[in-house]
C-alpha atoms as a PDB file:
ATOM      1  CA  MET A   1      -0.326  -0.069  -0.064  1.00  0.00           C
ATOM      2  CA  SER A   2       1.681   3.379  -1.033  1.00  0.00           C
ATOM      3  CA  ASP A   3       1.673   6.163   1.513  1.00  0.00           C
ATOM      4  CA  ARG A   4      -1.246   7.796  -0.511  1.00  0.00           C
ATOM      5  CA  ASP A   5      -3.522   4.783   0.375  1.00  0.00           C
ATOM      6  CA  GLU A   6      -2.319   4.523   3.792  1.00  0.00           C
ATOM      7  CA  ARG A   7      -3.144   8.087   4.357  1.00  0.00           C
ATOM      8  CA  ILE A   8      -6.424   8.248   2.702  1.00  0.00           C
ATOM      9  CA  ALA A   9      -7.275   4.811   4.752  1.00  0.00           C
ATOM     10  CA  ALA A  10      -6.429   6.841   7.862  1.00  0.00           C
ATOM     11  CA  ILE A  11      -8.529   9.788   7.182  1.00  0.00           C
ATOM     12  CA  MET A  12     -11.498   7.663   6.371  1.00  0.00           C
ATOM     13  CA  ALA A  13     -11.450   5.717   9.133  1.00  0.00           C
ATOM     14  CA  ARG A  14     -11.888   8.894  11.037  1.00  0.00           C
ATOM     15  CA  LEU A  15     -14.773   9.608   8.794  1.00  0.00           C
ATOM     16  CA  ASP A  16     -16.471   6.152   8.915  1.00  0.00           C
ATOM     17  CA  VAL A  17     -15.422   6.235   5.323  1.00  0.00           C
ATOM     18  CA  GLU A  18     -14.642   2.710   3.257  1.00  0.00           C
ATOM     19  CA  ALA A  19     -11.071   3.605   1.872  1.00  0.00           C
ATOM     20  CA  ALA A  20     -11.667   1.915  -2.072  1.00  0.00           C
ATOM     21  CA  MET A  21     -14.615   4.057  -2.033  1.00  0.00           C
ATOM     22  CA  ALA A  22     -12.430   7.048  -1.411  1.00  0.00           C
ATOM     23  CA  ARG A  23     -10.130   6.724  -3.868  1.00  0.00           C
ATOM     24  CA  GLU A  24     -12.806   6.597  -6.565  1.00  0.00           C
ATOM     25  CA  GLY A  25     -13.794   9.347  -5.337  1.00  0.00           C
ATOM     26  CA  LEU A  26     -10.903  11.521  -5.408  1.00  0.00           C
ATOM     27  CA  ARG A  27     -10.066   9.553  -8.659  1.00  0.00           C
ATOM     28  CA  ASP A  28     -13.588  11.192 -10.324  1.00  0.00           C
ATOM     29  CA  ILE A  29     -12.968  14.659  -9.047  1.00  0.00           C
ATOM     30  CA  ASP A  30      -9.194  14.314  -9.591  1.00  0.00           C
ATOM     31  CA  HIS A  31     -10.540  13.909 -13.087  1.00  0.00           C
ATOM     32  CA  GLY A  32     -12.866  16.184 -13.682  1.00  0.00           C
ATOM     33  CA  VAL A  33     -16.473  16.605 -15.356  1.00  0.00           C
ATOM     34  CA  ILE A  34     -17.496  13.799 -17.751  1.00  0.00           C
ATOM     35  CA  GLY A  35     -19.693  15.274 -20.053  1.00  0.00           C
ATOM     36  CA  ALA A  36     -23.210  12.831 -21.817  1.00  0.00           C
ATOM     37  CA  ASN A  37     -20.797  11.356 -24.417  1.00  0.00           C
ATOM     38  CA  GLY A  38     -18.136   9.860 -21.739  1.00  0.00           C
ATOM     39  CA  GLU A  39     -15.644  12.169 -22.748  1.00  0.00           C
ATOM     40  CA  PRO A  40     -13.820  15.276 -20.427  1.00  0.00           C
ATOM     41  CA  THR A  41     -15.205  18.039 -20.390  1.00  0.00           C
ATOM     42  CA  GLY A  42     -12.267  20.357 -19.439  1.00  0.00           C
ATOM     43  CA  GLU A  43     -14.173  21.162 -16.509  1.00  0.00           C
ATOM     44  CA  LEU A  44     -12.704  20.655 -13.211  1.00  0.00           C
ATOM     45  CA  TYR A  45     -15.322  20.109  -9.381  1.00  0.00           C
ATOM     46  CA  GLN A  46     -15.448  22.813  -7.164  1.00  0.00           C
ATOM     47  CA  PRO A  47     -15.103  23.390  -3.691  1.00  0.00           C
ATOM     48  CA  ARG A  48     -18.542  25.315  -3.193  1.00  0.00           C
ATOM     49  CA  LYS A  49     -21.949  23.737  -2.915  1.00  0.00           C
ATOM     50  CA  ASP A  50     -23.403  25.829  -4.827  1.00  0.00           C
ATOM     51  CA  ALA A  51     -21.117  25.766  -8.463  1.00  0.00           C
ATOM     52  CA  THR A  52     -21.633  24.408 -11.086  1.00  0.00           C
ATOM     53  CA  HIS A  53     -19.985  21.749 -10.980  1.00  0.00           C
ATOM     54  CA  TRP A  54     -19.736  21.101  -6.841  1.00  0.00           C
ATOM     55  CA  ALA A  55     -16.910  18.314  -6.046  1.00  0.00           C
ATOM     56  CA  GLY A  56     -19.801  16.684  -2.941  1.00  0.00           C
ATOM     57  CA  GLU A  57     -21.862  15.333  -5.540  1.00  0.00           C
ATOM     58  CA  VAL A  58     -19.364  13.111  -6.729  1.00  0.00           C
ATOM     59  CA  ILE A  59     -18.622  12.455  -3.058  1.00  0.00           C
ATOM     60  CA  ILE A  60     -22.731  11.784  -2.481  1.00  0.00           C
ATOM     61  CA  ARG A  61     -22.650   9.544  -5.657  1.00  0.00           C
ATOM     62  CA  HIS A  62     -19.954   7.462  -4.432  1.00  0.00           C
ATOM     63  CA  PHE A  63     -21.104   7.340  -0.922  1.00  0.00           C
ATOM     64  CA  SER A  64     -24.898   6.046  -1.191  1.00  0.00           C
ATOM     65  CA  ASP A  65     -25.220   6.970   2.907  1.00  0.00           C
ATOM     66  CA  SER A  66     -23.745  10.762   2.027  1.00  0.00           C
ATOM     67  CA  THR A  67     -25.521  14.133   2.826  1.00  0.00           C
ATOM     68  CA  PRO A  68     -24.559  17.290   0.925  1.00  0.00           C
ATOM     69  CA  ALA A  69     -23.956  17.891   5.038  1.00  0.00           C
ATOM     70  CA  ARG A  70     -21.073  14.870   5.072  1.00  0.00           C
ATOM     71  CA  ALA A  71     -20.242  15.094   1.626  1.00  0.00           C
ATOM     72  CA  ARG A  72     -19.214  18.903   3.077  1.00  0.00           C
ATOM     73  CA  ALA A  73     -17.117  17.932   6.161  1.00  0.00           C
ATOM     74  CA  ILE A  74     -15.534  14.435   3.970  1.00  0.00           C
ATOM     75  CA  LEU A  75     -14.689  17.460   1.353  1.00  0.00           C
ATOM     76  CA  GLY A  76     -13.550  19.640   4.263  1.00  0.00           C
ATOM     77  CA  ARG A  77     -11.054  17.096   5.950  1.00  0.00           C
ATOM     78  CA  TRP A  78      -9.581  15.746   1.906  1.00  0.00           C
ATOM     79  CA  LYS A  79      -8.758  19.419   1.710  1.00  0.00           C
ATOM     80  CA  LYS A  80      -6.926  19.881   5.145  1.00  0.00           C
ATOM     81  CA  GLU A  81      -5.001  16.670   4.682  1.00  0.00           C
ATOM     82  CA  GLY A  82      -4.184  17.842   1.737  1.00  0.00           C
ATOM     83  CA  LEU A  83      -5.648  15.364  -0.555  1.00  0.00           C
ATOM     84  CA  LEU A  84      -7.691  17.575  -2.234  1.00  0.00           C
ATOM     85  CA  VAL A  85      -6.227  21.521  -3.566  1.00  0.00           C
ATOM     86  CA  GLU A  86      -8.348  24.467  -4.829  1.00  0.00           C
ATOM     87  CA  GLN A  87      -6.992  26.085  -7.352  1.00  0.00           C
ATOM     88  CA  THR A  88      -8.244  29.172  -9.818  1.00  0.00           C
ATOM     89  CA  PHE A  89      -8.582  28.078 -12.993  1.00  0.00           C
ATOM     90  CA  TRP A  90     -11.185  29.069 -15.961  1.00  0.00           C
ATOM     91  CA  GLU A  91     -14.546  27.283 -16.320  1.00  0.00           C
ATOM     92  CA  ARG A  92     -14.338  27.435 -19.906  1.00  0.00           C
ATOM     93  CA  PRO A  93     -10.925  27.417 -21.474  1.00  0.00           C
ATOM     94  CA  ALA A  94     -11.719  27.083 -25.057  1.00  0.00           C
ATOM     95  CA  ALA A  95     -14.803  29.616 -24.988  1.00  0.00           C
ATOM     96  CA  ARG A  96     -12.139  32.098 -22.857  1.00  0.00           C
ATOM     97  CA  ILE A  97      -9.572  31.030 -25.896  1.00  0.00           C
ATOM     98  CA  ALA A  98     -11.543  31.761 -28.471  1.00  0.00           C
ATOM     99  CA  ALA A  99     -12.469  35.521 -26.921  1.00  0.00           C
ATOM    100  CA  ALA A 100      -8.878  36.297 -25.775  1.00  0.00           C
ATOM    101  CA  ALA A 101      -8.159  35.376 -30.052  1.00  0.00           C
ATOM    102  CA  HIS A 102     -10.905  37.687 -31.148  1.00  0.00           C
ATOM    103  CA  HIS A 103     -10.115  40.472 -28.886  1.00  0.00           C
ATOM    104  CA  GLN A 104      -5.998  40.484 -30.191  1.00  0.00           C
ATOM    105  CA  TRP A 105      -7.641  39.930 -33.729  1.00  0.00           C
ATOM    106  CA  LYS A 106      -9.768  42.924 -33.279  1.00  0.00           C
ATOM    107  CA  GLU A 107      -6.648  45.006 -32.239  1.00  0.00           C
ATOM    108  CA  VAL A 108      -4.375  43.432 -34.822  1.00  0.00           C
ATOM    109  CA  LEU A 109      -7.032  44.929 -37.439  1.00  0.00           C
ATOM    110  CA  ARG A 110      -7.321  48.570 -35.763  1.00  0.00           C
ATOM    111  CA  SER A 111      -3.348  48.972 -35.904  1.00  0.00           C
ATOM    112  CA  GLY A 112      -2.845  48.104 -39.319  1.00  0.00           C
ATOM    113  CA  ARG A 113      -0.785  44.830 -38.816  1.00  0.00           C
ATOM    114  CA  ALA A 114      -3.108  43.340 -40.388  1.00  0.00           C
END
């Protein structure tokens, strides 16, 4: 068993959660949102419950007895233990890139460099 697996097992024992289900939940959160076609969307799960893709939904899906409050507690513990890390990201990277490219193109046209 790896060091990370041992840490997961110890944390989950304190939360009364099976380590195997925890590993699956962490893996799914790590992979990000999967679209209806079964392919990654490029979007990540988010820590806030009011977010578009709340990470707690993954926990609720993996742990049948989980409630939103319990999911919040598990997410908080995983974050505290360093199993989850919050990072800033753009939710829809392709749209942001397209908008930036469009803006740059407008600047080129205005400057006469085209």
